[in-house]
Amino acid sequence: IVLKRSHLLKWLNRPFFNEVVPGFYVRVSELDAYEPCEIVGVEKVSKYQFGNKETEVALRVRTPTRTRNIRMTFVSNSELQKEEFERWQALLDRSHQPRLLQSFVRSKRSD
């Protein structure tokens, strides 16, 4: 359920993009580290270069502590690391937010 930058680039101009990507997760570059973020929506922003395309699409992402818009250029093309996932789970627990349910994971895989 973690989308890489290459997935976003491939799907960007497809008609299903805005409806399908919310609920997936991305690994986002944050200063000198990476953090998992849930995609909660798609927003229009000023044009920027994303791979070989120009776009006005940004992702609205949420962590356990904040929600913000990001350009897709900040999404990693690498797998989520075990330590990053564990830090994120601990943050969810500390902020009394629910963890992912297996049923949700199965439903996103079918999307």
PDB file of N, CA and C in Angstrom:
ATOM      1  N   ILE A   1       0.802  -1.212   0.000  1.00  0.00           N
ATOM      2  CA  ILE A   1       0.000   0.000   0.000  1.00  0.00           C
ATOM      3  C   ILE A   1       0.839   1.268   0.000  1.00  0.00           C
ATOM      4  N   VAL A   2       2.161   1.109  -0.137  1.00  0.00           N
ATOM      5  CA  VAL A   2       3.042   2.263  -0.252  1.00  0.00           C
ATOM      6  C   VAL A   2       3.316   2.495  -1.728  1.00  0.00           C
ATOM      7  N   LEU A   3       2.993   3.688  -2.200  1.00  0.00           N
ATOM      8  CA  LEU A   3       3.247   4.050  -3.598  1.00  0.00           C
ATOM      9  C   LEU A   3       4.619   4.690  -3.712  1.00  0.00           C
ATOM     10  N   LYS A   4       5.334   4.304  -4.738  1.00  0.00           N
ATOM     11  CA  LYS A   4       6.620   4.916  -5.038  1.00  0.00           C
ATOM     12  C   LYS A   4       6.389   6.078  -5.998  1.00  0.00           C
ATOM     13  N   ARG A   5       7.400   6.929  -6.115  1.00  0.00           N
ATOM     14  CA  ARG A   5       7.336   8.055  -7.040  1.00  0.00           C
ATOM     15  C   ARG A   5       7.071   7.560  -8.471  1.00  0.00           C
ATOM     16  N   SER A   6       7.656   6.420  -8.847  1.00  0.00           N
ATOM     17  CA  SER A   6       7.453   5.879 -10.200  1.00  0.00           C
ATOM     18  C   SER A   6       5.993   5.514 -10.460  1.00  0.00           C
ATOM     19  N   HIS A   7       5.285   5.022  -9.418  1.00  0.00           N
ATOM     20  CA  HIS A   7       3.851   4.723  -9.565  1.00  0.00           C
ATOM     21  C   HIS A   7       3.073   6.012  -9.813  1.00  0.00           C
ATOM     22  N   LEU A   8       3.383   7.030  -9.040  1.00  0.00           N
ATOM     23  CA  LEU A   8       2.682   8.311  -9.180  1.00  0.00           C
ATOM     24  C   LEU A   8       2.914   8.903 -10.565  1.00  0.00           C
ATOM     25  N   LEU A   9       4.139   8.833 -11.039  1.00  0.00           N
ATOM     26  CA  LEU A   9       4.465   9.356 -12.362  1.00  0.00           C
ATOM     27  C   LEU A   9       3.713   8.595 -13.452  1.00  0.00           C
ATOM     28  N   LYS A  10       3.614   7.297 -13.290  1.00  0.00           N
ATOM     29  CA  LYS A  10       2.913   6.455 -14.273  1.00  0.00           C
ATOM     30  C   LYS A  10       1.407   6.734 -14.274  1.00  0.00           C
ATOM     31  N   TRP A  11       0.834   6.944 -13.108  1.00  0.00           N
ATOM     32  CA  TRP A  11      -0.623   7.099 -12.959  1.00  0.00           C
ATOM     33  C   TRP A  11      -1.100   8.542 -13.086  1.00  0.00           C
ATOM     34  N   LEU A  12      -0.207   9.506 -13.019  1.00  0.00           N
ATOM     35  CA  LEU A  12      -0.569  10.922 -12.876  1.00  0.00           C
ATOM     36  C   LEU A  12      -1.674  11.394 -13.814  1.00  0.00           C
ATOM     37  N   ASN A  13      -1.594  11.108 -15.079  1.00  0.00           N
ATOM     38  CA  ASN A  13      -2.578  11.627 -16.030  1.00  0.00           C
ATOM     39  C   ASN A  13      -3.721  10.658 -16.307  1.00  0.00           C
ATOM     40  N   ARG A  14      -3.814   9.612 -15.533  1.00  0.00           N
ATOM     41  CA  ARG A  14      -4.903   8.652 -15.709  1.00  0.00           C
ATOM     42  C   ARG A  14      -6.161   9.201 -15.041  1.00  0.00           C
ATOM     43  N   PRO A  15      -7.345   8.893 -15.593  1.00  0.00           N
ATOM     44  CA  PRO A  15      -8.584   9.462 -15.047  1.00  0.00           C
ATOM     45  C   PRO A  15      -8.894   9.028 -13.614  1.00  0.00           C
ATOM     46  N   PHE A  16      -8.331   7.929 -13.170  1.00  0.00           N
ATOM     47  CA  PHE A  16      -8.619   7.416 -11.829  1.00  0.00           C
ATOM     48  C   PHE A  16      -7.709   7.984 -10.747  1.00  0.00           C
ATOM     49  N   PHE A  17      -6.692   8.752 -11.110  1.00  0.00           N
ATOM     50  CA  PHE A  17      -5.656   9.177 -10.166  1.00  0.00           C
ATOM     51  C   PHE A  17      -6.232   9.810  -8.900  1.00  0.00           C
ATOM     52  N   ASN A  18      -7.062  10.848  -9.062  1.00  0.00           N
ATOM     53  CA  ASN A  18      -7.579  11.597  -7.902  1.00  0.00           C
ATOM     54  C   ASN A  18      -8.435  10.742  -6.974  1.00  0.00           C
ATOM     55  N   GLU A  19      -9.098   9.725  -7.516  1.00  0.00           N
ATOM     56  CA  GLU A  19      -9.975   8.886  -6.696  1.00  0.00           C
ATOM     57  C   GLU A  19      -9.236   7.716  -6.058  1.00  0.00           C
ATOM     58  N   VAL A  20      -8.173   7.235  -6.703  1.00  0.00           N
ATOM     59  CA  VAL A  20      -7.509   6.022  -6.225  1.00  0.00           C
ATOM     60  C   VAL A  20      -6.400   6.283  -5.213  1.00  0.00           C
ATOM     61  N   VAL A  21      -5.618   7.341  -5.395  1.00  0.00           N
ATOM     62  CA  VAL A  21      -4.446   7.511  -4.532  1.00  0.00           C
ATOM     63  C   VAL A  21      -4.759   7.829  -3.058  1.00  0.00           C
ATOM     64  N   PRO A  22      -5.852   8.513  -2.726  1.00  0.00           N
ATOM     65  CA  PRO A  22      -6.125   8.697  -1.293  1.00  0.00           C
ATOM     66  C   PRO A  22      -6.291   7.339  -0.590  1.00  0.00           C
ATOM     67  N   GLY A  23      -5.660   7.244   0.570  1.00  0.00           N
ATOM     68  CA  GLY A  23      -5.689   5.993   1.318  1.00  0.00           C
ATOM     69  C   GLY A  23      -4.406   5.202   1.165  1.00  0.00           C
ATOM     70  N   PHE A  24      -3.651   5.470   0.096  1.00  0.00           N
ATOM     71  CA  PHE A  24      -2.335   4.859  -0.042  1.00  0.00           C
ATOM     72  C   PHE A  24      -1.345   5.656   0.802  1.00  0.00           C
ATOM     73  N   TYR A  25      -0.155   5.101   0.974  1.00  0.00           N
ATOM     74  CA  TYR A  25       0.903   5.753   1.736  1.00  0.00           C
ATOM     75  C   TYR A  25       2.080   6.033   0.823  1.00  0.00           C
ATOM     76  N   VAL A  26       2.852   7.049   1.174  1.00  0.00           N
ATOM     77  CA  VAL A  26       4.071   7.391   0.454  1.00  0.00           C
ATOM     78  C   VAL A  26       5.186   7.613   1.475  1.00  0.00           C
ATOM     79  N   ARG A  27       6.399   7.400   1.021  1.00  0.00           N
ATOM     80  CA  ARG A  27       7.592   7.658   1.837  1.00  0.00           C
ATOM     81  C   ARG A  27       8.109   9.023   1.394  1.00  0.00           C
ATOM     82  N   VAL A  28       8.070  10.005   2.301  1.00  0.00           N
ATOM     83  CA  VAL A  28       8.357  11.396   1.952  1.00  0.00           C
ATOM     84  C   VAL A  28       9.683  11.843   2.553  1.00  0.00           C
ATOM     85  N   SER A  29      10.475  12.526   1.725  1.00  0.00           N
ATOM     86  CA  SER A  29      11.738  13.103   2.174  1.00  0.00           C
ATOM     87  C   SER A  29      11.428  14.281   3.092  1.00  0.00           C
ATOM     88  N   GLU A  30      11.960  14.224   4.292  1.00  0.00           N
ATOM     89  CA  GLU A  30      11.697  15.251   5.309  1.00  0.00           C
ATOM     90  C   GLU A  30      13.026  15.631   5.948  1.00  0.00           C
ATOM     91  N   LEU A  31      13.589  16.757   5.518  1.00  0.00           N
ATOM     92  CA  LEU A  31      14.902  17.224   5.975  1.00  0.00           C
ATOM     93  C   LEU A  31      15.945  16.143   5.727  1.00  0.00           C
ATOM     94  N   ASP A  32      16.502  15.532   6.765  1.00  0.00           N
ATOM     95  CA  ASP A  32      17.550  14.528   6.577  1.00  0.00           C
ATOM     96  C   ASP A  32      17.041  13.100   6.815  1.00  0.00           C
ATOM     97  N   ALA A  33      15.728  12.914   6.761  1.00  0.00           N
ATOM     98  CA  ALA A  33      15.151  11.583   7.003  1.00  0.00           C
ATOM     99  C   ALA A  33      13.937  11.387   6.091  1.00  0.00           C
ATOM    100  N   TYR A  34      13.335  10.235   6.215  1.00  0.00           N
ATOM    101  CA  TYR A  34      12.100   9.936   5.493  1.00  0.00           C
ATOM    102  C   TYR A  34      11.015   9.621   6.498  1.00  0.00           C
ATOM    103  N   GLU A  35       9.770   9.926   6.117  1.00  0.00           N
ATOM    104  CA  GLU A  35       8.652   9.569   6.984  1.00  0.00           C
ATOM    105  C   GLU A  35       7.498   9.049   6.141  1.00  0.00           C
ATOM    106  N   PRO A  36       6.785   8.035   6.657  1.00  0.00           N
ATOM    107  CA  PRO A  36       5.599   7.558   5.951  1.00  0.00           C
ATOM    108  C   PRO A  36       4.465   8.560   6.143  1.00  0.00           C
ATOM    109  N   CYS A  37       3.717   8.785   5.072  1.00  0.00           N
ATOM    110  CA  CYS A  37       2.579   9.692   5.122  1.00  0.00           C
ATOM    111  C   CYS A  37       1.401   9.050   4.410  1.00  0.00           C
ATOM    112  N   GLU A  38       0.214   9.252   4.943  1.00  0.00           N
ATOM    113  CA  GLU A  38      -0.996   8.786   4.280  1.00  0.00           C
ATOM    114  C   GLU A  38      -1.464   9.859   3.306  1.00  0.00           C
ATOM    115  N   ILE A  39      -1.787   9.450   2.091  1.00  0.00           N
ATOM    116  CA  ILE A  39      -2.361  10.395   1.127  1.00  0.00           C
ATOM    117  C   ILE A  39      -3.836  10.551   1.475  1.00  0.00           C
ATOM    118  N   VAL A  40      -4.254  11.786   1.763  1.00  0.00           N
ATOM    119  CA  VAL A  40      -5.654  12.028   2.122  1.00  0.00           C
ATOM    120  C   VAL A  40      -6.399  12.804   1.048  1.00  0.00           C
ATOM    121  N   GLY A  41      -5.672  13.261   0.027  1.00  0.00           N
ATOM    122  CA  GLY A  41      -6.323  13.986  -1.050  1.00  0.00           C
ATOM    123  C   GLY A  41      -5.334  14.450  -2.089  1.00  0.00           C
ATOM    124  N   VAL A  42      -5.865  15.109  -3.097  1.00  0.00           N
ATOM    125  CA  VAL A  42      -5.077  15.658  -4.193  1.00  0.00           C
ATOM    126  C   VAL A  42      -5.461  17.129  -4.323  1.00  0.00           C
ATOM    127  N   GLU A  43      -4.473  18.000  -4.443  1.00  0.00           N
ATOM    128  CA  GLU A  43      -4.699  19.439  -4.504  1.00  0.00           C
ATOM    129  C   GLU A  43      -4.055  20.032  -5.752  1.00  0.00           C
ATOM    130  N   LYS A  44      -4.568  21.178  -6.190  1.00  0.00           N
ATOM    131  CA  LYS A  44      -3.977  21.908  -7.312  1.00  0.00           C
ATOM    132  C   LYS A  44      -3.015  22.953  -6.752  1.00  0.00           C
ATOM    133  N   VAL A  45      -1.809  23.003  -7.326  1.00  0.00           N
ATOM    134  CA  VAL A  45      -0.787  23.967  -6.912  1.00  0.00           C
ATOM    135  C   VAL A  45      -0.184  24.588  -8.169  1.00  0.00           C
ATOM    136  N   SER A  46       0.767  25.500  -7.983  1.00  0.00           N
ATOM    137  CA  SER A  46       1.437  26.074  -9.156  1.00  0.00           C
ATOM    138  C   SER A  46       2.252  24.993  -9.870  1.00  0.00           C
ATOM    139  N   LYS A  47       2.437  25.184 -11.169  1.00  0.00           N
ATOM    140  CA  LYS A  47       3.115  24.174 -12.000  1.00  0.00           C
ATOM    141  C   LYS A  47       4.526  23.899 -11.507  1.00  0.00           C
ATOM    142  N   TYR A  48       4.924  22.627 -11.609  1.00  0.00           N
ATOM    143  CA  TYR A  48       6.284  22.218 -11.310  1.00  0.00           C
ATOM    144  C   TYR A  48       6.623  21.002 -12.163  1.00  0.00           C
ATOM    145  N   GLN A  49       7.905  20.723 -12.274  1.00  0.00           N
ATOM    146  CA  GLN A  49       8.380  19.601 -13.067  1.00  0.00           C
ATOM    147  C   GLN A  49       8.371  18.348 -12.205  1.00  0.00           C
ATOM    148  N   PHE A  50       7.752  17.290 -12.717  1.00  0.00           N
ATOM    149  CA  PHE A  50       7.712  15.998 -12.020  1.00  0.00           C
ATOM    150  C   PHE A  50       8.119  14.932 -13.021  1.00  0.00           C
ATOM    151  N   GLY A  51       9.343  14.438 -12.891  1.00  0.00           N
ATOM    152  CA  GLY A  51       9.867  13.512 -13.887  1.00  0.00           C
ATOM    153  C   GLY A  51       9.927  14.217 -15.224  1.00  0.00           C
ATOM    154  N   ASN A  52       9.358  13.584 -16.246  1.00  0.00           N
ATOM    155  CA  ASN A  52       9.353  14.177 -17.585  1.00  0.00           C
ATOM    156  C   ASN A  52       8.058  14.938 -17.880  1.00  0.00           C
ATOM    157  N   LYS A  53       7.288  15.231 -16.822  1.00  0.00           N
ATOM    158  CA  LYS A  53       5.995  15.903 -16.997  1.00  0.00           C
ATOM    159  C   LYS A  53       5.953  17.200 -16.202  1.00  0.00           C
ATOM    160  N   GLU A  54       5.110  18.108 -16.657  1.00  0.00           N
ATOM    161  CA  GLU A  54       4.796  19.301 -15.894  1.00  0.00           C
ATOM    162  C   GLU A  54       3.427  19.072 -15.285  1.00  0.00           C
ATOM    163  N   THR A  55       3.270  19.409 -14.007  1.00  0.00           N
ATOM    164  CA  THR A  55       1.988  19.142 -13.351  1.00  0.00           C
ATOM    165  C   THR A  55       1.633  20.245 -12.370  1.00  0.00           C
ATOM    166  N   GLU A  56       0.361  20.304 -12.039  1.00  0.00           N
ATOM    167  CA  GLU A  56      -0.151  21.194 -10.990  1.00  0.00           C
ATOM    168  C   GLU A  56      -0.736  20.379  -9.847  1.00  0.00           C
ATOM    169  N   VAL A  57      -0.428  19.090  -9.813  1.00  0.00           N
ATOM    170  CA  VAL A  57      -0.993  18.174  -8.815  1.00  0.00           C
ATOM    171  C   VAL A  57      -0.038  18.018  -7.635  1.00  0.00           C
ATOM    172  N   ALA A  58      -0.567  18.213  -6.450  1.00  0.00           N
ATOM    173  CA  ALA A  58       0.176  17.957  -5.214  1.00  0.00           C
ATOM    174  C   ALA A  58      -0.625  16.954  -4.395  1.00  0.00           C
ATOM    175  N   LEU A  59       0.070  16.251  -3.530  1.00  0.00           N
ATOM    176  CA  LEU A  59      -0.599  15.311  -2.645  1.00  0.00           C
ATOM    177  C   LEU A  59      -0.863  15.978  -1.306  1.00  0.00           C
ATOM    178  N   ARG A  60      -2.057  15.800  -0.787  1.00  0.00           N
ATOM    179  CA  ARG A  60      -2.386  16.217   0.582  1.00  0.00           C
ATOM    180  C   ARG A  60      -2.065  15.005   1.431  1.00  0.00           C
ATOM    181  N   VAL A  61      -1.094  15.126   2.324  1.00  0.00           N
ATOM    182  CA  VAL A  61      -0.648  13.977   3.118  1.00  0.00           C
ATOM    183  C   VAL A  61      -0.790  14.254   4.610  1.00  0.00           C
ATOM    184  N   ARG A  62      -0.926  13.151   5.342  1.00  0.00           N
ATOM    185  CA  ARG A  62      -1.110  13.250   6.797  1.00  0.00           C
ATOM    186  C   ARG A  62      -0.132  12.323   7.501  1.00  0.00           C
ATOM    187  N   THR A  63       0.436  12.854   8.573  1.00  0.00           N
ATOM    188  CA  THR A  63       1.203  12.046   9.516  1.00  0.00           C
ATOM    189  C   THR A  63       0.390  12.066  10.811  1.00  0.00           C
ATOM    190  N   PRO A  64       0.817  11.346  11.818  1.00  0.00           N
ATOM    191  CA  PRO A  64       0.061  11.408  13.074  1.00  0.00           C
ATOM    192  C   PRO A  64       0.027  12.791  13.725  1.00  0.00           C
ATOM    193  N   THR A  65       0.917  13.702  13.283  1.00  0.00           N
ATOM    194  CA  THR A  65       0.980  15.013  13.936  1.00  0.00           C
ATOM    195  C   THR A  65       0.603  16.208  13.066  1.00  0.00           C
ATOM    196  N   ARG A  66       0.501  16.011  11.723  1.00  0.00           N
ATOM    197  CA  ARG A  66       0.153  17.162  10.879  1.00  0.00           C
ATOM    198  C   ARG A  66      -0.340  16.708   9.506  1.00  0.00           C
ATOM    199  N   THR A  67      -0.967  17.670   8.809  1.00  0.00           N
ATOM    200  CA  THR A  67      -1.435  17.452   7.442  1.00  0.00           C
ATOM    201  C   THR A  67      -0.903  18.598   6.599  1.00  0.00           C
ATOM    202  N   ARG A  68      -0.426  18.264   5.386  1.00  0.00           N
ATOM    203  CA  ARG A  68       0.146  19.301   4.525  1.00  0.00           C
ATOM    204  C   ARG A  68       0.108  18.850   3.064  1.00  0.00           C
ATOM    205  N   ASN A  69       0.341  19.792   2.149  1.00  0.00           N
ATOM    206  CA  ASN A  69       0.467  19.483   0.733  1.00  0.00           C
ATOM    207  C   ASN A  69       1.940  19.304   0.402  1.00  0.00           C
ATOM    208  N   ILE A  70       2.232  18.318  -0.454  1.00  0.00           N
ATOM    209  CA  ILE A  70       3.605  18.126  -0.910  1.00  0.00           C
ATOM    210  C   ILE A  70       3.629  17.944  -2.418  1.00  0.00           C
ATOM    211  N   ARG A  71       4.684  18.402  -3.024  1.00  0.00           N
ATOM    212  CA  ARG A  71       4.914  18.094  -4.431  1.00  0.00           C
ATOM    213  C   ARG A  71       5.380  16.637  -4.500  1.00  0.00           C
ATOM    214  N   MET A  72       4.997  15.964  -5.562  1.00  0.00           N
ATOM    215  CA  MET A  72       5.319  14.537  -5.674  1.00  0.00           C
ATOM    216  C   MET A  72       6.804  14.278  -5.867  1.00  0.00           C
ATOM    217  N   THR A  73       7.579  15.309  -6.172  1.00  0.00           N
ATOM    218  CA  THR A  73       9.028  15.141  -6.289  1.00  0.00           C
ATOM    219  C   THR A  73       9.662  14.751  -4.959  1.00  0.00           C
ATOM    220  N   PHE A  74       8.967  14.996  -3.833  1.00  0.00           N
ATOM    221  CA  PHE A  74       9.491  14.645  -2.518  1.00  0.00           C
ATOM    222  C   PHE A  74       9.157  13.218  -2.103  1.00  0.00           C
ATOM    223  N   VAL A  75       8.427  12.484  -2.955  1.00  0.00           N
ATOM    224  CA  VAL A  75       8.092  11.090  -2.661  1.00  0.00           C
ATOM    225  C   VAL A  75       9.265  10.216  -3.074  1.00  0.00           C
ATOM    226  N   SER A  76       9.633   9.308  -2.202  1.00  0.00           N
ATOM    227  CA  SER A  76      10.753   8.415  -2.455  1.00  0.00           C
ATOM    228  C   SER A  76      10.385   7.338  -3.464  1.00  0.00           C
ATOM    229  N   ASN A  77      11.401   6.839  -4.130  1.00  0.00           N
ATOM    230  CA  ASN A  77      11.212   5.722  -5.049  1.00  0.00           C
ATOM    231  C   ASN A  77      11.725   4.431  -4.413  1.00  0.00           C
ATOM    232  N   SER A  78      12.041   4.489  -3.122  1.00  0.00           N
ATOM    233  CA  SER A  78      12.557   3.332  -2.387  1.00  0.00           C
ATOM    234  C   SER A  78      11.496   2.767  -1.446  1.00  0.00           C
ATOM    235  N   GLU A  79      11.741   1.561  -1.006  1.00  0.00           N
ATOM    236  CA  GLU A  79      10.839   0.900  -0.064  1.00  0.00           C
ATOM    237  C   GLU A  79      10.876   1.590   1.300  1.00  0.00           C
ATOM    238  N   LEU A  80       9.774   1.521   2.012  1.00  0.00           N
ATOM    239  CA  LEU A  80       9.715   1.989   3.393  1.00  0.00           C
ATOM    240  C   LEU A  80      10.615   1.089   4.233  1.00  0.00           C
ATOM    241  N   GLN A  81      11.457   1.686   5.055  1.00  0.00           N
ATOM    242  CA  GLN A  81      12.380   0.922   5.889  1.00  0.00           C
ATOM    243  C   GLN A  81      11.694   0.490   7.187  1.00  0.00           C
ATOM    244  N   LYS A  82      12.127  -0.628   7.721  1.00  0.00           N
ATOM    245  CA  LYS A  82      11.531  -1.174   8.941  1.00  0.00           C
ATOM    246  C   LYS A  82      11.562  -0.152  10.090  1.00  0.00           C
ATOM    247  N   GLU A  83      12.681   0.542  10.254  1.00  0.00           N
ATOM    248  CA  GLU A  83      12.818   1.521  11.341  1.00  0.00           C
ATOM    249  C   GLU A  83      11.837   2.680  11.164  1.00  0.00           C
ATOM    250  N   GLU A  84      11.633   3.107   9.932  1.00  0.00           N
ATOM    251  CA  GLU A  84      10.691   4.192   9.652  1.00  0.00           C
ATOM    252  C   GLU A  84       9.269   3.763   9.995  1.00  0.00           C
ATOM    253  N   PHE A  85       8.922   2.529   9.616  1.00  0.00           N
ATOM    254  CA  PHE A  85       7.598   2.001   9.914  1.00  0.00           C
ATOM    255  C   PHE A  85       7.391   1.885  11.421  1.00  0.00           C
ATOM    256  N   GLU A  86       8.384   1.404  12.147  1.00  0.00           N
ATOM    257  CA  GLU A  86       8.271   1.262  13.606  1.00  0.00           C
ATOM    258  C   GLU A  86       8.138   2.619  14.295  1.00  0.00           C
ATOM    259  N   ARG A  87       8.903   3.623  13.837  1.00  0.00           N
ATOM    260  CA  ARG A  87       8.776   4.981  14.397  1.00  0.00           C
ATOM    261  C   ARG A  87       7.373   5.522  14.175  1.00  0.00           C
ATOM    262  N   TRP A  88       6.844   5.292  12.968  1.00  0.00           N
ATOM    263  CA  TRP A  88       5.512   5.753  12.621  1.00  0.00           C
ATOM    264  C   TRP A  88       4.452   5.061  13.478  1.00  0.00           C
ATOM    265  N   GLN A  89       4.571   3.752  13.668  1.00  0.00           N
ATOM    266  CA  GLN A  89       3.622   3.019  14.515  1.00  0.00           C
ATOM    267  C   GLN A  89       3.659   3.534  15.954  1.00  0.00           C
ATOM    268  N   ALA A  90       4.850   3.800  16.466  1.00  0.00           N
ATOM    269  CA  ALA A  90       4.981   4.331  17.830  1.00  0.00           C
ATOM    270  C   ALA A  90       4.330   5.708  17.935  1.00  0.00           C
ATOM    271  N   LEU A  91       4.481   6.525  16.918  1.00  0.00           N
ATOM    272  CA  LEU A  91       3.852   7.849  16.903  1.00  0.00           C
ATOM    273  C   LEU A  91       2.330   7.730  16.873  1.00  0.00           C
ATOM    274  N   LEU A  92       1.811   6.775  16.099  1.00  0.00           N
ATOM    275  CA  LEU A  92       0.365   6.522  16.096  1.00  0.00           C
ATOM    276  C   LEU A  92      -0.112   6.128  17.491  1.00  0.00           C
ATOM    277  N   ASP A  93       0.612   5.243  18.134  1.00  0.00           N
ATOM    278  CA  ASP A  93       0.236   4.799  19.477  1.00  0.00           C
ATOM    279  C   ASP A  93       0.251   5.962  20.476  1.00  0.00           C
ATOM    280  N   ARG A  94       1.310   6.785  20.429  1.00  0.00           N
ATOM    281  CA  ARG A  94       1.420   7.918  21.359  1.00  0.00           C
ATOM    282  C   ARG A  94       0.314   8.939  21.145  1.00  0.00           C
ATOM    283  N   SER A  95      -0.140   9.067  19.908  1.00  0.00           N
ATOM    284  CA  SER A  95      -1.189  10.053  19.621  1.00  0.00           C
ATOM    285  C   SER A  95      -2.586   9.418  19.635  1.00  0.00           C
ATOM    286  N   HIS A  96      -2.664   8.168  20.109  1.00  0.00           N
ATOM    287  CA  HIS A  96      -3.932   7.439  20.268  1.00  0.00           C
ATOM    288  C   HIS A  96      -4.716   7.334  18.963  1.00  0.00           C
ATOM    289  N   GLN A  97      -3.991   7.096  17.865  1.00  0.00           N
ATOM    290  CA  GLN A  97      -4.625   6.903  16.567  1.00  0.00           C
ATOM    291  C   GLN A  97      -4.572   5.422  16.201  1.00  0.00           C
ATOM    292  N   PRO A  98      -5.564   4.953  15.471  1.00  0.00           N
ATOM    293  CA  PRO A  98      -5.609   3.525  15.142  1.00  0.00           C
ATOM    294  C   PRO A  98      -4.525   3.120  14.147  1.00  0.00           C
ATOM    295  N   ARG A  99      -4.089   1.885  14.269  1.00  0.00           N
ATOM    296  CA  ARG A  99      -3.158   1.306  13.305  1.00  0.00           C
ATOM    297  C   ARG A  99      -3.943   0.794  12.110  1.00  0.00           C
ATOM    298  N   LEU A 100      -3.225   0.435  11.059  1.00  0.00           N
ATOM    299  CA  LEU A 100      -3.870  -0.099   9.860  1.00  0.00           C
ATOM    300  C   LEU A 100      -4.515  -1.447  10.140  1.00  0.00           C
ATOM    301  N   LEU A 101      -5.674  -1.657   9.572  1.00  0.00           N
ATOM    302  CA  LEU A 101      -6.346  -2.943   9.682  1.00  0.00           C
ATOM    303  C   LEU A 101      -6.059  -3.770   8.440  1.00  0.00           C
ATOM    304  N   GLN A 102      -5.967  -5.092   8.611  1.00  0.00           N
ATOM    305  CA  GLN A 102      -5.709  -5.981   7.478  1.00  0.00           C
ATOM    306  C   GLN A 102      -6.770  -5.828   6.387  1.00  0.00           C
ATOM    307  N   SER A 103      -8.025  -5.609   6.782  1.00  0.00           N
ATOM    308  CA  SER A 103      -9.094  -5.461   5.785  1.00  0.00           C
ATOM    309  C   SER A 103      -8.862  -4.238   4.904  1.00  0.00           C
ATOM    310  N   PHE A 104      -8.333  -3.167   5.499  1.00  0.00           N
ATOM    311  CA  PHE A 104      -8.042  -1.960   4.728  1.00  0.00           C
ATOM    312  C   PHE A 104      -6.905  -2.233   3.742  1.00  0.00           C
ATOM    313  N   VAL A 105      -5.875  -2.927   4.191  1.00  0.00           N
ATOM    314  CA  VAL A 105      -4.740  -3.258   3.325  1.00  0.00           C
ATOM    315  C   VAL A 105      -5.211  -4.072   2.132  1.00  0.00           C
ATOM    316  N   ARG A 106      -6.068  -5.072   2.371  1.00  0.00           N
ATOM    317  CA  ARG A 106      -6.583  -5.895   1.274  1.00  0.00           C
ATOM    318  C   ARG A 106      -7.406  -5.064   0.295  1.00  0.00           C
ATOM    319  N   SER A 107      -8.209  -4.125   0.795  1.00  0.00           N
ATOM    320  CA  SER A 107      -9.039  -3.319  -0.103  1.00  0.00           C
ATOM    321  C   SER A 107      -8.187  -2.396  -0.976  1.00  0.00           C
ATOM    322  N   LYS A 108      -7.113  -1.831  -0.432  1.00  0.00           N
ATOM    323  CA  LYS A 108      -6.253  -0.941  -1.225  1.00  0.00           C
ATOM    324  C   LYS A 108      -5.462  -1.737  -2.253  1.00  0.00           C
ATOM    325  N   ARG A 109      -5.089  -2.958  -1.933  1.00  0.00           N
ATOM    326  CA  ARG A 109      -4.369  -3.791  -2.909  1.00  0.00           C
ATOM    327  C   ARG A 109      -5.233  -4.062  -4.134  1.00  0.00           C
ATOM    328  N   SER A 110      -6.542  -4.168  -3.924  1.00  0.00           N
ATOM    329  CA  SER A 110      -7.432  -4.436  -5.050  1.00  0.00           C
ATOM    330  C   SER A 110      -7.685  -3.187  -5.884  1.00  0.00           C
ATOM    331  N   ASP A 111      -7.447  -1.987  -5.311  1.00  0.00           N
ATOM    332  CA  ASP A 111      -7.599  -0.722  -6.066  1.00  0.00           C
ATOM    333  C   ASP A 111      -6.554  -0.673  -7.140  1.00  0.00           C
TER     334      ASP A 111
END
